[in-house]
Amino acid sequence: MMRLIVILGLVAPPALADVTTPGGRVIECYCTDSTGGRVEMGEEICLFVDGRAFIARCEMALNNPIWRDTGRGCVSSRLPEGLQPALDPASIDAQI
């Protein structure tokens, strides 16, 4: 029985999405996307920052919600700003 208690004590509790103030008030924690929309803790979205697109996860750091880069790129059919599609369809090989 003692081993079970020790093993359970080693398991980390899940990250909390709410913060309790010293006065006992609970504050909901979440991130916001670029349009001001609410993104819950643990959710991942594609962020565009300084011309770079990457997948970021909403997490907590020092009691503050942050966007953490996951190291994965976004999958998108959208061209980055400033790039234009090819206008000459003759340069496309129809045999491919």
Protein backbone atom coordinates (compact mmCIF):
# COMPACT_ATOMS: atom_id res chain seq x y z
CA MET A 1 0.00 0.00 0.00
CA MET A 2 2.87 2.38 0.80
CA ARG A 3 4.33 1.88 -2.69
CA LEU A 4 1.02 2.90 -4.28
CA ILE A 5 0.99 6.13 -2.26
CA VAL A 6 4.60 6.90 -3.23
CA ILE A 7 3.90 6.23 -6.92
CA LEU A 8 0.79 8.42 -6.86
CA GLY A 9 2.83 11.17 -5.21
CA LEU A 10 5.31 11.13 -8.10
CA VAL A 11 2.65 11.73 -10.75
CA ALA A 12 2.41 15.42 -11.61
CA PRO A 13 -1.08 16.93 -11.42
CA PRO A 14 -2.52 18.40 -14.63
CA ALA A 15 -1.80 22.05 -15.37
CA LEU A 16 -4.52 24.27 -14.00
CA ALA A 17 -6.23 26.71 -16.33
CA ASP A 18 -7.44 28.91 -13.47
CA VAL A 19 -5.52 30.99 -10.93
CA THR A 20 -6.74 31.59 -7.39
CA THR A 21 -5.89 34.97 -5.86
CA PRO A 22 -4.81 35.29 -2.20
CA GLY A 23 -8.35 36.50 -1.47
CA GLY A 24 -9.78 33.23 -2.81
CA ARG A 25 -11.10 34.67 -6.08
CA VAL A 26 -10.72 32.37 -9.11
CA ILE A 27 -9.53 33.97 -12.36
CA GLU A 28 -10.06 32.08 -15.62
CA CYS A 29 -6.88 31.87 -17.71
CA TYR A 30 -6.82 31.66 -21.49
CA CYS A 31 -4.93 33.05 -24.49
CA THR A 32 -6.25 35.32 -27.21
CA ASP A 33 -5.67 35.00 -30.94
CA SER A 34 -4.84 37.88 -33.30
CA THR A 35 -8.53 38.78 -33.66
CA GLY A 36 -9.14 38.82 -29.88
CA GLY A 37 -10.84 35.41 -29.85
CA ARG A 38 -10.53 33.20 -26.77
CA VAL A 39 -8.25 30.14 -27.00
CA GLU A 40 -8.34 27.66 -24.11
CA MET A 41 -5.25 26.30 -22.34
CA GLY A 42 -3.66 23.44 -24.29
CA GLU A 43 -5.22 24.41 -27.63
CA GLU A 44 -2.96 24.93 -30.64
CA ILE A 45 -3.36 27.46 -33.45
CA CYS A 46 -1.30 28.75 -36.38
CA LEU A 47 0.35 32.09 -35.57
CA PHE A 48 1.85 34.54 -38.08
CA VAL A 49 4.66 36.58 -36.48
CA ASP A 50 7.24 38.65 -38.39
CA GLY A 51 6.51 36.85 -41.66
CA ARG A 52 6.84 33.41 -40.08
CA ALA A 53 3.96 30.95 -39.63
CA PHE A 54 4.15 28.33 -36.86
CA ILE A 55 1.95 26.20 -34.61
CA ALA A 56 1.76 27.59 -31.07
CA ARG A 57 0.16 26.11 -27.94
CA CYS A 58 -1.59 28.17 -25.25
CA GLU A 59 0.23 27.46 -21.95
CA MET A 60 0.91 29.01 -18.55
CA ALA A 61 4.30 30.43 -17.49
CA LEU A 62 4.76 32.20 -14.15
CA ASN A 63 0.96 32.54 -13.79
CA ASN A 64 0.64 34.21 -17.20
CA PRO A 65 -0.90 32.74 -20.35
CA ILE A 66 1.66 32.54 -23.16
CA TRP A 67 2.01 31.20 -26.69
CA ARG A 68 4.71 28.52 -26.84
CA ASP A 69 6.17 27.62 -30.25
CA THR A 70 5.77 23.86 -30.84
CA GLY A 71 8.47 23.82 -33.52
CA ARG A 72 5.98 22.68 -36.17
CA GLY A 73 5.05 24.76 -39.21
CA CYS A 74 1.50 25.55 -40.28
CA VAL A 75 -0.20 23.70 -43.11
CA SER A 76 -1.86 26.31 -45.30
CA SER A 77 -2.99 26.91 -48.86
CA ARG A 78 -2.55 30.65 -48.36
CA LEU A 79 0.47 32.39 -49.88
CA PRO A 80 2.53 34.55 -47.53
CA GLU A 81 1.98 38.28 -47.97
CA GLY A 82 3.93 39.78 -50.84
CA LEU A 83 4.00 36.60 -52.97
CA GLN A 84 1.84 36.27 -56.06
CA PRO A 85 0.85 33.07 -57.87
CA ALA A 86 2.41 32.38 -61.28
CA LEU A 87 0.46 34.19 -64.00
CA ASP A 88 1.79 32.15 -66.94
CA PRO A 89 -0.06 28.81 -67.02
CA ALA A 90 2.03 27.72 -70.04
CA SER A 91 4.97 27.10 -67.73
CA ILE A 92 3.01 24.30 -65.99
CA ASP A 93 3.76 20.80 -67.32
CA ALA A 94 0.40 19.17 -68.12
CA GLN A 95 1.98 15.69 -68.23
CA ILE A 96 2.76 15.56 -64.51
